[in-house]
Amino acid sequence: MRWTCLEPLKRWRIELGPNGSGIEWDMEYEPRAPMWELLPMHVEVDGRTLVDMYHMKESGLYRGWVQIDGERISLDGFPGGRDRTFGV
């Protein structure tokens, strides 16, 4: 599997080459709206931080194809999204 940044914070290419599962893909992701922030998540128990995470989401479109056991399916204009979550 390979992820390639085509345009920082905007366009990505995602590839999965031939492998034993019979599933392959070659697709590009492009946003259709700006990223939006979700509420940060912070959980402490007895003064100890258990969770401290930050989330951003982005709606976009996928173009390319997915192939399963030799059958290729077009994804041109397939709606999807991207999640940018980081933290403890």
C-alpha atoms as a PDB file:
ATOM      1  CA  MET A   1       0.000   0.000   0.000  1.00  0.00           C
ATOM      2  CA  ARG A   2       1.274   3.461  -0.855  1.00  0.00           C
ATOM      3  CA  TRP A   3      -0.030   6.919   0.086  1.00  0.00           C
ATOM      4  CA  THR A   4       1.286   9.840  -1.984  1.00  0.00           C
ATOM      5  CA  CYS A   5       0.622  13.486  -1.190  1.00  0.00           C
ATOM      6  CA  LEU A   6      -0.123  15.191  -4.524  1.00  0.00           C
ATOM      7  CA  GLU A   7      -1.000  18.567  -3.013  1.00  0.00           C
ATOM      8  CA  PRO A   8      -0.431  19.199   0.724  1.00  0.00           C
ATOM      9  CA  LEU A   9      -3.652  19.041   2.794  1.00  0.00           C
ATOM     10  CA  LYS A  10      -5.716  18.612  -0.394  1.00  0.00           C
ATOM     11  CA  ARG A  11      -5.049  15.786  -2.849  1.00  0.00           C
ATOM     12  CA  TRP A  12      -3.849  12.261  -2.074  1.00  0.00           C
ATOM     13  CA  ARG A  13      -3.205   9.188  -4.187  1.00  0.00           C
ATOM     14  CA  ILE A  14      -3.825   5.829  -2.526  1.00  0.00           C
ATOM     15  CA  GLU A  15      -2.576   2.642  -4.169  1.00  0.00           C
ATOM     16  CA  LEU A  16      -2.745  -1.035  -3.296  1.00  0.00           C
ATOM     17  CA  GLY A  17      -0.869  -3.289  -5.702  1.00  0.00           C
ATOM     18  CA  PRO A  18      -1.322  -6.984  -6.450  1.00  0.00           C
ATOM     19  CA  ASN A  19      -1.367  -9.152  -3.322  1.00  0.00           C
ATOM     20  CA  GLY A  20      -2.760 -12.421  -1.987  1.00  0.00           C
ATOM     21  CA  SER A  21      -6.160 -10.954  -1.048  1.00  0.00           C
ATOM     22  CA  GLY A  22      -7.288 -10.397  -4.646  1.00  0.00           C
ATOM     23  CA  ILE A  23      -8.057  -6.745  -3.840  1.00  0.00           C
ATOM     24  CA  GLU A  24      -6.222  -3.855  -5.561  1.00  0.00           C
ATOM     25  CA  TRP A  25      -6.917  -0.152  -5.970  1.00  0.00           C
ATOM     26  CA  ASP A  26      -5.609   3.076  -7.413  1.00  0.00           C
ATOM     27  CA  MET A  27      -7.550   6.167  -6.391  1.00  0.00           C
ATOM     28  CA  GLU A  28      -7.187   9.872  -5.739  1.00  0.00           C
ATOM     29  CA  TYR A  29      -8.922  11.831  -3.016  1.00  0.00           C
ATOM     30  CA  GLU A  30      -9.839  15.493  -3.415  1.00  0.00           C
ATOM     31  CA  PRO A  31     -11.805  17.588  -0.887  1.00  0.00           C
ATOM     32  CA  ARG A  32     -15.094  19.220  -1.817  1.00  0.00           C
ATOM     33  CA  ALA A  33     -15.342  21.380   1.308  1.00  0.00           C
ATOM     34  CA  PRO A  34     -12.852  22.792   3.827  1.00  0.00           C
ATOM     35  CA  MET A  35     -11.881  20.706   6.859  1.00  0.00           C
ATOM     36  CA  TRP A  36     -13.962  21.212   9.948  1.00  0.00           C
ATOM     37  CA  GLU A  37     -12.948  20.758  13.549  1.00  0.00           C
ATOM     38  CA  LEU A  38     -14.820  18.533  15.945  1.00  0.00           C
ATOM     39  CA  LEU A  39     -14.747  19.096  19.681  1.00  0.00           C
ATOM     40  CA  PRO A  40     -11.460  18.066  21.279  1.00  0.00           C
ATOM     41  CA  MET A  41     -11.714  15.037  23.553  1.00  0.00           C
ATOM     42  CA  HIS A  42     -10.005  15.144  26.944  1.00  0.00           C
ATOM     43  CA  VAL A  43     -10.584  12.531  29.642  1.00  0.00           C
ATOM     44  CA  GLU A  44      -8.849  12.488  33.027  1.00  0.00           C
ATOM     45  CA  VAL A  45      -9.313   9.958  35.822  1.00  0.00           C
ATOM     46  CA  ASP A  46      -7.755  10.637  39.231  1.00  0.00           C
ATOM     47  CA  GLY A  47      -5.568  13.364  37.709  1.00  0.00           C
ATOM     48  CA  ARG A  48      -4.199  11.009  35.023  1.00  0.00           C
ATOM     49  CA  THR A  49      -4.841  11.832  31.350  1.00  0.00           C
ATOM     50  CA  LEU A  50      -6.389   8.852  29.581  1.00  0.00           C
ATOM     51  CA  VAL A  51      -7.464  10.583  26.367  1.00  0.00           C
ATOM     52  CA  ASP A  52      -6.360  13.875  24.838  1.00  0.00           C
ATOM     53  CA  MET A  53      -7.331  13.892  21.162  1.00  0.00           C
ATOM     54  CA  TYR A  54      -8.094  16.399  18.446  1.00  0.00           C
ATOM     55  CA  HIS A  55     -10.285  15.635  15.412  1.00  0.00           C
ATOM     56  CA  MET A  56     -10.711  17.230  12.000  1.00  0.00           C
ATOM     57  CA  LYS A  57     -12.950  15.856   9.234  1.00  0.00           C
ATOM     58  CA  GLU A  58     -13.155  16.611   5.538  1.00  0.00           C
ATOM     59  CA  SER A  59     -15.723  15.681   2.905  1.00  0.00           C
ATOM     60  CA  GLY A  60     -14.375  14.747  -0.518  1.00  0.00           C
ATOM     61  CA  LEU A  61     -14.577  12.687  -3.683  1.00  0.00           C
ATOM     62  CA  TYR A  62     -12.618   9.641  -4.781  1.00  0.00           C
ATOM     63  CA  ARG A  63     -11.654   8.985  -8.384  1.00  0.00           C
ATOM     64  CA  GLY A  64     -10.013   5.864  -9.743  1.00  0.00           C
ATOM     65  CA  TRP A  65     -10.800   2.186  -9.361  1.00  0.00           C
ATOM     66  CA  VAL A  66     -11.005  -0.796  -7.027  1.00  0.00           C
ATOM     67  CA  GLN A  67     -10.481  -4.314  -8.342  1.00  0.00           C
ATOM     68  CA  ILE A  68     -11.757  -7.404  -6.530  1.00  0.00           C
ATOM     69  CA  ASP A  69     -10.866 -10.841  -7.912  1.00  0.00           C
ATOM     70  CA  GLY A  70     -10.293  -9.338 -11.373  1.00  0.00           C
ATOM     71  CA  GLU A  71     -13.514  -7.291 -11.484  1.00  0.00           C
ATOM     72  CA  ARG A  72     -12.716  -3.569 -11.745  1.00  0.00           C
ATOM     73  CA  ILE A  73     -15.148  -1.025 -10.301  1.00  0.00           C
ATOM     74  CA  SER A  74     -14.930   2.670 -11.190  1.00  0.00           C
ATOM     75  CA  LEU A  75     -14.931   5.160  -8.331  1.00  0.00           C
ATOM     76  CA  ASP A  76     -15.101   8.335 -10.394  1.00  0.00           C
ATOM     77  CA  GLY A  77     -16.892  10.867  -8.202  1.00  0.00           C
ATOM     78  CA  PHE A  78     -17.472   8.413  -5.320  1.00  0.00           C
ATOM     79  CA  PRO A  79     -18.257  10.425  -2.152  1.00  0.00           C
ATOM     80  CA  GLY A  80     -16.179   9.851   0.942  1.00  0.00           C
ATOM     81  CA  GLY A  81     -14.148  11.595   3.560  1.00  0.00           C
ATOM     82  CA  ARG A  82     -10.881  11.994   5.371  1.00  0.00           C
ATOM     83  CA  ASP A  83     -10.250  11.931   9.100  1.00  0.00           C
ATOM     84  CA  ARG A  84      -7.348  13.733  10.733  1.00  0.00           C
ATOM     85  CA  THR A  85      -7.267  12.528  14.342  1.00  0.00           C
ATOM     86  CA  PHE A  86      -4.227  12.820  16.558  1.00  0.00           C
ATOM     87  CA  GLY A  87      -3.338  12.843  20.210  1.00  0.00           C
ATOM     88  CA  VAL A  88      -2.966  10.509  23.174  1.00  0.00           C
END
